[in-house]
Amino acid sequence: MTGWVAPKYKGGPKDSWMFREVLGIPFYRFDLGYSNEDKVEEIDKILSSLPWSDNSTNQIWGGVKHEGGGGSDLYNHEPLRYLFEWMQDCMAEVCDRMKIPNEMICNAAWANKNRPDEWFFDHTHFNCFLSSNYYSSGDSNAVTKWYYPNPYFDKTNIFPVKYSGQDEYDNIYNLTHEEPTVPGRFIVFPPTIRHRATPNQEECDRITVAANWFPTGLIDAGGVSHLNVKVIQ
C-alpha cells in the first residue's frame, strides 16, 4: 500500500519552487506536481515495485550493498530517468541561486521505505556537497526532522536544563525543524545537519529517495587555491 495522495497545490508559486530559511539556513524546495501531477503517481508506482531489504528500523532499496560494495546508484535505474533529470534541473536552479558555476552531479542515490510504525535514525550524509530528499508517498504527519546545535549550549560543558528522555533533550539542546511529507516534493539541504524520519503512524507506506550531489569541474577559490574534480557515475 503506497498511500500516494494527489497533493493540493494551491496558493504556491507558479514556477514550482520555494526558497526558505530553516533554522537560518537556506533550504530549497521544488514540487513536481505543479507541472506534472501524473508523473508523481507514476514515479511512486515505480519506486513501490522496487525490491526492498531490511535496514534496522525500516526498509532500504534492495540494490544497496551494506558491506559498502556499491548500490547507491539508483540514478541508473532506467524507469526513474525522468525523476533524476528533473532533479538535475532543480539542482541547476539551486546552483544559480547559490552563485555556484559548477554543475552538480548526483554521486549517490537510494530509496527508503517506512512501513507503518517504522522510522529512520538520525544521521548526516557523507562524501557530498549538497544532499536532497524526494518524497514519493506518505502522510504529512510523518516528517523529516532536522537538528541544529542550540548556540546557548553548543561548545560548552555547562548543561543547566533539566529534561526527561532523549526527545526532550534533543528539542532543548538543538534548534529543530520538521518537514512534512508532500508527495512530489524535492528538498535540498546541507548534508552535515543531523536529521531523521519520525515514526510512520499511518497505514500507508512512506517512500523517499535520498540523493547526494558533488560539484564537477574546476572549483576555483581564487588565487592559488584550485581543485579540479571529475565526478563519475
C-alpha atoms as a PDB file:
ATOM      1  CA  MET A   1       0.000   0.000   0.000  1.00  0.00           C
ATOM      2  CA  THR A   2       1.809   3.101  -1.213  1.00  0.00           C
ATOM      3  CA  GLY A   3      -0.515   5.749   0.175  1.00  0.00           C
ATOM      4  CA  TRP A   4       0.042   8.152  -2.728  1.00  0.00           C
ATOM      5  CA  VAL A   5      -2.433  11.009  -2.475  1.00  0.00           C
ATOM      6  CA  ALA A   6      -2.685  13.773  -5.052  1.00  0.00           C
ATOM      7  CA  PRO A   7      -1.206  16.872  -3.349  1.00  0.00           C
ATOM      8  CA  LYS A   8      -3.281  20.040  -3.196  1.00  0.00           C
ATOM      9  CA  TYR A   9      -1.181  22.644  -4.973  1.00  0.00           C
ATOM     10  CA  LYS A  10      -2.984  25.854  -4.159  1.00  0.00           C
ATOM     11  CA  GLY A  11      -1.547  29.222  -3.377  1.00  0.00           C
ATOM     12  CA  GLY A  12       2.021  28.183  -4.148  1.00  0.00           C
ATOM     13  CA  PRO A  13       4.487  29.747  -6.554  1.00  0.00           C
ATOM     14  CA  LYS A  14       3.693  29.087 -10.202  1.00  0.00           C
ATOM     15  CA  ASP A  15       7.323  28.373 -11.066  1.00  0.00           C
ATOM     16  CA  SER A  16       7.199  25.249  -8.836  1.00  0.00           C
ATOM     17  CA  TRP A  17       9.956  26.079  -6.401  1.00  0.00           C
ATOM     18  CA  MET A  18      10.283  27.686  -2.995  1.00  0.00           C
ATOM     19  CA  PHE A  19      13.200  29.138  -1.069  1.00  0.00           C
ATOM     20  CA  ARG A  20      13.008  29.325   2.681  1.00  0.00           C
ATOM     21  CA  GLU A  21      15.444  29.705   5.503  1.00  0.00           C
ATOM     22  CA  VAL A  22      15.198  26.857   8.001  1.00  0.00           C
ATOM     23  CA  LEU A  23      16.984  27.488  11.294  1.00  0.00           C
ATOM     24  CA  GLY A  24      18.578  30.428   9.471  1.00  0.00           C
ATOM     25  CA  ILE A  25      19.927  28.074   6.771  1.00  0.00           C
ATOM     26  CA  PRO A  26      18.807  28.086   3.113  1.00  0.00           C
ATOM     27  CA  PHE A  27      16.636  25.099   2.175  1.00  0.00           C
ATOM     28  CA  TYR A  28      15.348  24.727  -1.387  1.00  0.00           C
ATOM     29  CA  ARG A  29      12.039  23.070  -2.276  1.00  0.00           C
ATOM     30  CA  PHE A  30      10.639  22.024  -5.643  1.00  0.00           C
ATOM     31  CA  ASP A  31       7.257  20.429  -6.321  1.00  0.00           C
ATOM     32  CA  LEU A  32       6.957  18.143  -9.335  1.00  0.00           C
ATOM     33  CA  GLY A  33       3.184  18.161  -9.002  1.00  0.00           C
ATOM     34  CA  TYR A  34       2.945  21.815 -10.030  1.00  0.00           C
ATOM     35  CA  SER A  35       3.920  20.900 -13.578  1.00  0.00           C
ATOM     36  CA  ASN A  36       3.123  17.193 -13.865  1.00  0.00           C
ATOM     37  CA  GLU A  37       0.950  15.606 -11.208  1.00  0.00           C
ATOM     38  CA  ASP A  38       0.573  12.393 -13.239  1.00  0.00           C
ATOM     39  CA  LYS A  39       4.340  11.881 -13.069  1.00  0.00           C
ATOM     40  CA  VAL A  40       4.240  11.989  -9.272  1.00  0.00           C
ATOM     41  CA  GLU A  41       1.909   8.994  -9.219  1.00  0.00           C
ATOM     42  CA  GLU A  42       3.851   7.178 -11.947  1.00  0.00           C
ATOM     43  CA  ILE A  43       7.147   7.595 -10.090  1.00  0.00           C
ATOM     44  CA  ASP A  44       5.576   6.325  -6.880  1.00  0.00           C
ATOM     45  CA  LYS A  45       4.405   3.158  -8.635  1.00  0.00           C
ATOM     46  CA  ILE A  46       7.936   2.590  -9.975  1.00  0.00           C
ATOM     47  CA  LEU A  47       9.509   3.064  -6.557  1.00  0.00           C
ATOM     48  CA  SER A  48       6.903   0.865  -4.862  1.00  0.00           C
ATOM     49  CA  SER A  49       7.778  -2.002  -7.197  1.00  0.00           C
ATOM     50  CA  LEU A  50      11.497  -1.900  -6.346  1.00  0.00           C
ATOM     51  CA  PRO A  51      12.997  -4.783  -4.334  1.00  0.00           C
ATOM     52  CA  TRP A  52      13.434  -3.891  -0.657  1.00  0.00           C
ATOM     53  CA  SER A  53      15.516  -5.272   2.170  1.00  0.00           C
ATOM     54  CA  ASP A  54      15.542  -4.819   5.950  1.00  0.00           C
ATOM     55  CA  ASN A  55      17.528  -1.855   7.254  1.00  0.00           C
ATOM     56  CA  SER A  56      17.451  -1.909  11.048  1.00  0.00           C
ATOM     57  CA  THR A  57      14.433   0.371  11.655  1.00  0.00           C
ATOM     58  CA  ASN A  58      12.933   0.473   8.154  1.00  0.00           C
ATOM     59  CA  GLN A  59      13.352  -0.809   4.588  1.00  0.00           C
ATOM     60  CA  ILE A  60      16.006   0.229   2.052  1.00  0.00           C
ATOM     61  CA  TRP A  61      16.258  -0.289  -1.696  1.00  0.00           C
ATOM     62  CA  GLY A  62      17.414  -3.856  -2.301  1.00  0.00           C
ATOM     63  CA  GLY A  63      20.238  -2.699  -4.570  1.00  0.00           C
ATOM     64  CA  VAL A  64      22.185  -1.253  -1.631  1.00  0.00           C
ATOM     65  CA  LYS A  65      25.108  -3.416  -0.524  1.00  0.00           C
ATOM     66  CA  HIS A  66      25.647  -2.992   3.210  1.00  0.00           C
ATOM     67  CA  GLU A  67      29.282  -4.105   3.030  1.00  0.00           C
ATOM     68  CA  GLY A  68      29.998  -0.945   1.045  1.00  0.00           C
ATOM     69  CA  GLY A  69      30.492  -2.558  -2.363  1.00  0.00           C
ATOM     70  CA  GLY A  70      28.013  -0.290  -4.149  1.00  0.00           C
ATOM     71  CA  GLY A  71      24.305   0.052  -4.581  1.00  0.00           C
ATOM     72  CA  SER A  72      23.985   3.818  -4.177  1.00  0.00           C
ATOM     73  CA  ASP A  73      23.344   4.204  -7.901  1.00  0.00           C
ATOM     74  CA  LEU A  74      19.565   4.391  -8.119  1.00  0.00           C
ATOM     75  CA  TYR A  75      20.114   7.175 -10.683  1.00  0.00           C
ATOM     76  CA  ASN A  76      20.994   4.405 -13.177  1.00  0.00           C
ATOM     77  CA  HIS A  77      17.556   2.771 -12.860  1.00  0.00           C
ATOM     78  CA  GLU A  78      16.130   3.490 -16.317  1.00  0.00           C
ATOM     79  CA  PRO A  79      12.435   3.776 -15.277  1.00  0.00           C
ATOM     80  CA  LEU A  80      13.444   6.657 -12.979  1.00  0.00           C
ATOM     81  CA  ARG A  81      15.284   8.609 -15.687  1.00  0.00           C
ATOM     82  CA  TYR A  82      12.605  11.326 -15.755  1.00  0.00           C
ATOM     83  CA  LEU A  83      12.836  11.854 -11.991  1.00  0.00           C
ATOM     84  CA  PHE A  84      16.623  12.237 -11.953  1.00  0.00           C
ATOM     85  CA  GLU A  85      16.652  14.514 -14.995  1.00  0.00           C
ATOM     86  CA  TRP A  86      14.071  16.719 -13.267  1.00  0.00           C
ATOM     87  CA  MET A  87      16.108  16.691 -10.063  1.00  0.00           C
ATOM     88  CA  GLN A  88      19.176  17.675 -12.104  1.00  0.00           C
ATOM     89  CA  ASP A  89      17.259  20.696 -13.439  1.00  0.00           C
ATOM     90  CA  CYS A  90      16.297  21.596  -9.870  1.00  0.00           C
ATOM     91  CA  MET A  91      19.929  21.448  -8.793  1.00  0.00           C
ATOM     92  CA  ALA A  92      20.853  23.827 -11.626  1.00  0.00           C
ATOM     93  CA  GLU A  93      18.445  26.357 -10.112  1.00  0.00           C
ATOM     94  CA  VAL A  94      19.983  25.828  -6.674  1.00  0.00           C
ATOM     95  CA  CYS A  95      23.476  26.398  -8.068  1.00  0.00           C
ATOM     96  CA  ASP A  96      22.300  29.561  -9.802  1.00  0.00           C
ATOM     97  CA  ARG A  97      20.805  30.830  -6.546  1.00  0.00           C
ATOM     98  CA  MET A  98      23.978  29.949  -4.606  1.00  0.00           C
ATOM     99  CA  LYS A  99      26.262  31.503  -7.266  1.00  0.00           C
ATOM    100  CA  ILE A 100      27.958  28.148  -7.939  1.00  0.00           C
ATOM    101  CA  PRO A 101      29.213  27.955 -11.553  1.00  0.00           C
ATOM    102  CA  ASN A 102      29.840  24.193 -11.440  1.00  0.00           C
ATOM    103  CA  GLU A 103      27.347  21.522 -12.404  1.00  0.00           C
ATOM    104  CA  MET A 104      26.185  19.349  -9.511  1.00  0.00           C
ATOM    105  CA  ILE A 105      26.365  15.618 -10.256  1.00  0.00           C
ATOM    106  CA  CYS A 106      24.415  13.022  -8.307  1.00  0.00           C
ATOM    107  CA  ASN A 107      27.150  10.807  -6.846  1.00  0.00           C
ATOM    108  CA  ALA A 108      24.850   8.641  -4.679  1.00  0.00           C
ATOM    109  CA  ALA A 109      21.138   7.857  -4.606  1.00  0.00           C
ATOM    110  CA  TRP A 110      18.987   5.240  -2.907  1.00  0.00           C
ATOM    111  CA  ALA A 111      15.406   4.789  -1.674  1.00  0.00           C
ATOM    112  CA  ASN A 112      13.947   4.302   1.814  1.00  0.00           C
ATOM    113  CA  LYS A 113      10.588   2.874   2.790  1.00  0.00           C
ATOM    114  CA  ASN A 114       8.966   3.309   6.186  1.00  0.00           C
ATOM    115  CA  ARG A 115       6.087   0.926   6.657  1.00  0.00           C
ATOM    116  CA  PRO A 116       3.581   1.592   9.467  1.00  0.00           C
ATOM    117  CA  ASP A 117       5.416   2.248  12.763  1.00  0.00           C
ATOM    118  CA  GLU A 118       8.832   2.266  11.057  1.00  0.00           C
ATOM    119  CA  TRP A 119      11.260   5.182  11.231  1.00  0.00           C
ATOM    120  CA  PHE A 120      14.829   6.158  10.312  1.00  0.00           C
ATOM    121  CA  PHE A 121      17.558   7.021  12.832  1.00  0.00           C
ATOM    122  CA  ASP A 122      19.214  10.432  12.903  1.00  0.00           C
ATOM    123  CA  HIS A 123      22.229  10.794  10.638  1.00  0.00           C
ATOM    124  CA  THR A 124      24.211  13.066   8.332  1.00  0.00           C
ATOM    125  CA  HIS A 125      25.356  12.460   4.749  1.00  0.00           C
ATOM    126  CA  PHE A 126      28.994  11.830   3.812  1.00  0.00           C
ATOM    127  CA  ASN A 127      31.078  12.443   0.672  1.00  0.00           C
ATOM    128  CA  CYS A 128      28.917  15.178  -0.821  1.00  0.00           C
ATOM    129  CA  PHE A 129      28.470  18.953  -1.027  1.00  0.00           C
ATOM    130  CA  LEU A 130      24.649  19.016  -1.091  1.00  0.00           C
ATOM    131  CA  SER A 131      22.022  16.492  -0.022  1.00  0.00           C
ATOM    132  CA  SER A 132      18.423  16.084  -1.080  1.00  0.00           C
ATOM    133  CA  ASN A 133      15.254  14.154  -0.415  1.00  0.00           C
ATOM    134  CA  TYR A 134      12.387  13.389  -2.799  1.00  0.00           C
ATOM    135  CA  TYR A 135       9.085  12.475  -1.157  1.00  0.00           C
ATOM    136  CA  SER A 136       7.248   9.859  -3.189  1.00  0.00           C
ATOM    137  CA  SER A 137       4.446   8.801  -0.833  1.00  0.00           C
ATOM    138  CA  GLY A 138       3.277   9.097   2.742  1.00  0.00           C
ATOM    139  CA  ASP A 139       1.159  11.178   5.074  1.00  0.00           C
ATOM    140  CA  SER A 140       2.061  14.731   6.066  1.00  0.00           C
ATOM    141  CA  ASN A 141       2.138  13.681   9.735  1.00  0.00           C
ATOM    142  CA  ALA A 142       5.277  11.636   9.029  1.00  0.00           C
ATOM    143  CA  VAL A 143       8.062  14.211   8.942  1.00  0.00           C
ATOM    144  CA  THR A 144      11.766  14.624   8.411  1.00  0.00           C
ATOM    145  CA  LYS A 145      13.198  16.357  11.468  1.00  0.00           C
ATOM    146  CA  TRP A 146      16.449  18.350  11.405  1.00  0.00           C
ATOM    147  CA  TYR A 147      18.584  19.151  14.467  1.00  0.00           C
ATOM    148  CA  TYR A 148      20.948  22.113  14.627  1.00  0.00           C
ATOM    149  CA  PRO A 149      23.008  22.745  17.807  1.00  0.00           C
ATOM    150  CA  ASN A 150      21.457  25.402  20.047  1.00  0.00           C
ATOM    151  CA  PRO A 151      24.104  28.152  20.320  1.00  0.00           C
ATOM    152  CA  TYR A 152      23.263  28.629  24.012  1.00  0.00           C
ATOM    153  CA  PHE A 153      24.545  25.118  24.764  1.00  0.00           C
ATOM    154  CA  ASP A 154      26.850  24.300  21.868  1.00  0.00           C
ATOM    155  CA  LYS A 155      30.565  24.020  22.681  1.00  0.00           C
ATOM    156  CA  THR A 156      30.081  24.262  26.429  1.00  0.00           C
ATOM    157  CA  ASN A 157      30.251  21.738  29.253  1.00  0.00           C
ATOM    158  CA  ILE A 158      27.560  23.548  31.259  1.00  0.00           C
ATOM    159  CA  PHE A 159      24.128  21.902  30.994  1.00  0.00           C
ATOM    160  CA  PRO A 160      21.774  23.644  33.429  1.00  0.00           C
ATOM    161  CA  VAL A 161      18.467  22.462  31.916  1.00  0.00           C
ATOM    162  CA  LYS A 162      16.536  19.514  33.324  1.00  0.00           C
ATOM    163  CA  TYR A 163      14.941  17.133  30.851  1.00  0.00           C
ATOM    164  CA  SER A 164      13.292  13.731  30.769  1.00  0.00           C
ATOM    165  CA  GLY A 165      14.033  11.415  27.874  1.00  0.00           C
ATOM    166  CA  GLN A 166      16.032  11.667  24.665  1.00  0.00           C
ATOM    167  CA  ASP A 167      13.331  13.520  22.704  1.00  0.00           C
ATOM    168  CA  GLU A 168      13.134  16.345  25.223  1.00  0.00           C
ATOM    169  CA  TYR A 169      16.932  16.535  25.362  1.00  0.00           C
ATOM    170  CA  ASP A 170      17.133  16.833  21.567  1.00  0.00           C
ATOM    171  CA  ASN A 171      14.473  19.551  21.490  1.00  0.00           C
ATOM    172  CA  ILE A 172      16.179  21.612  24.211  1.00  0.00           C
ATOM    173  CA  TYR A 173      19.798  21.344  23.163  1.00  0.00           C
ATOM    174  CA  ASN A 174      19.046  21.695  19.452  1.00  0.00           C
ATOM    175  CA  LEU A 175      17.069  24.010  17.222  1.00  0.00           C
ATOM    176  CA  THR A 176      14.718  21.783  15.226  1.00  0.00           C
ATOM    177  CA  HIS A 177      12.699  21.875  12.024  1.00  0.00           C
ATOM    178  CA  GLU A 178      10.037  19.391  10.887  1.00  0.00           C
ATOM    179  CA  GLU A 179       9.368  18.988   7.165  1.00  0.00           C
ATOM    180  CA  PRO A 180       6.022  17.310   6.337  1.00  0.00           C
ATOM    181  CA  THR A 181       5.848  14.590   3.702  1.00  0.00           C
ATOM    182  CA  VAL A 182       4.378  16.034   0.498  1.00  0.00           C
ATOM    183  CA  PRO A 183       4.369  13.564  -2.439  1.00  0.00           C
ATOM    184  CA  GLY A 184       6.264  15.063  -5.357  1.00  0.00           C
ATOM    185  CA  ARG A 185       8.330  17.449  -3.228  1.00  0.00           C
ATOM    186  CA  PHE A 186      12.102  17.632  -3.630  1.00  0.00           C
ATOM    187  CA  ILE A 187      14.075  19.372  -0.889  1.00  0.00           C
ATOM    188  CA  VAL A 188      17.765  20.338  -0.967  1.00  0.00           C
ATOM    189  CA  PHE A 189      19.672  20.865   2.281  1.00  0.00           C
ATOM    190  CA  PRO A 190      23.201  20.893   3.779  1.00  0.00           C
ATOM    191  CA  PRO A 191      24.437  17.320   4.318  1.00  0.00           C
ATOM    192  CA  THR A 192      26.095  17.983   7.681  1.00  0.00           C
ATOM    193  CA  ILE A 193      22.880  18.784   9.581  1.00  0.00           C
ATOM    194  CA  ARG A 194      21.551  15.855  11.613  1.00  0.00           C
ATOM    195  CA  HIS A 195      18.112  14.652  10.557  1.00  0.00           C
ATOM    196  CA  ARG A 196      15.821  11.668  10.913  1.00  0.00           C
ATOM    197  CA  ALA A 197      12.428  10.366   9.814  1.00  0.00           C
ATOM    198  CA  THR A 198       9.863  10.197  12.614  1.00  0.00           C
ATOM    199  CA  PRO A 199       7.766   7.019  13.065  1.00  0.00           C
ATOM    200  CA  ASN A 200       5.155   6.449  10.381  1.00  0.00           C
ATOM    201  CA  GLN A 201       1.857   6.485  12.251  1.00  0.00           C
ATOM    202  CA  GLU A 202      -0.316   5.894   9.173  1.00  0.00           C
ATOM    203  CA  GLU A 203      -1.358   2.661   7.441  1.00  0.00           C
ATOM    204  CA  CYS A 204       0.302   3.683   4.166  1.00  0.00           C
ATOM    205  CA  ASP A 205       3.999   3.342   3.333  1.00  0.00           C
ATOM    206  CA  ARG A 206       6.284   6.382   3.254  1.00  0.00           C
ATOM    207  CA  ILE A 207       8.769   6.153   0.367  1.00  0.00           C
ATOM    208  CA  THR A 208      11.559   8.663  -0.197  1.00  0.00           C
ATOM    209  CA  VAL A 209      14.583   8.955  -2.473  1.00  0.00           C
ATOM    210  CA  ALA A 210      17.789  10.268  -0.891  1.00  0.00           C
ATOM    211  CA  ALA A 211      20.403  11.733  -3.228  1.00  0.00           C
ATOM    212  CA  ASN A 212      23.826  13.302  -2.682  1.00  0.00           C
ATOM    213  CA  TRP A 213      25.467  15.798  -5.030  1.00  0.00           C
ATOM    214  CA  PHE A 214      29.007  16.946  -5.716  1.00  0.00           C
ATOM    215  CA  PRO A 215      30.351  19.750  -7.961  1.00  0.00           C
ATOM    216  CA  THR A 216      32.250  18.604 -11.024  1.00  0.00           C
ATOM    217  CA  GLY A 217      34.897  20.529 -12.935  1.00  0.00           C
ATOM    218  CA  LEU A 218      37.240  23.263 -11.768  1.00  0.00           C
ATOM    219  CA  ILE A 219      36.479  24.529  -8.285  1.00  0.00           C
ATOM    220  CA  ASP A 220      38.215  27.884  -8.243  1.00  0.00           C
ATOM    221  CA  ALA A 221      38.501  29.671  -4.918  1.00  0.00           C
ATOM    222  CA  GLY A 222      40.684  32.371  -6.455  1.00  0.00           C
ATOM    223  CA  GLY A 223      44.396  32.968  -6.157  1.00  0.00           C
ATOM    224  CA  VAL A 224      46.392  29.747  -5.966  1.00  0.00           C
ATOM    225  CA  SER A 225      43.612  27.600  -4.495  1.00  0.00           C
ATOM    226  CA  HIS A 226      42.160  25.323  -7.181  1.00  0.00           C
ATOM    227  CA  LEU A 227      40.585  21.867  -7.205  1.00  0.00           C
ATOM    228  CA  ASN A 228      39.755  20.059 -10.425  1.00  0.00           C
ATOM    229  CA  VAL A 229      37.211  17.302  -9.838  1.00  0.00           C
ATOM    230  CA  LYS A 230      35.576  14.918 -12.258  1.00  0.00           C
ATOM    231  CA  VAL A 231      32.530  13.260 -10.717  1.00  0.00           C
ATOM    232  CA  ILE A 232      31.646   9.963 -12.392  1.00  0.00           C
ATOM    233  CA  GLN A 233      28.526   7.867 -12.016  1.00  0.00           C
END
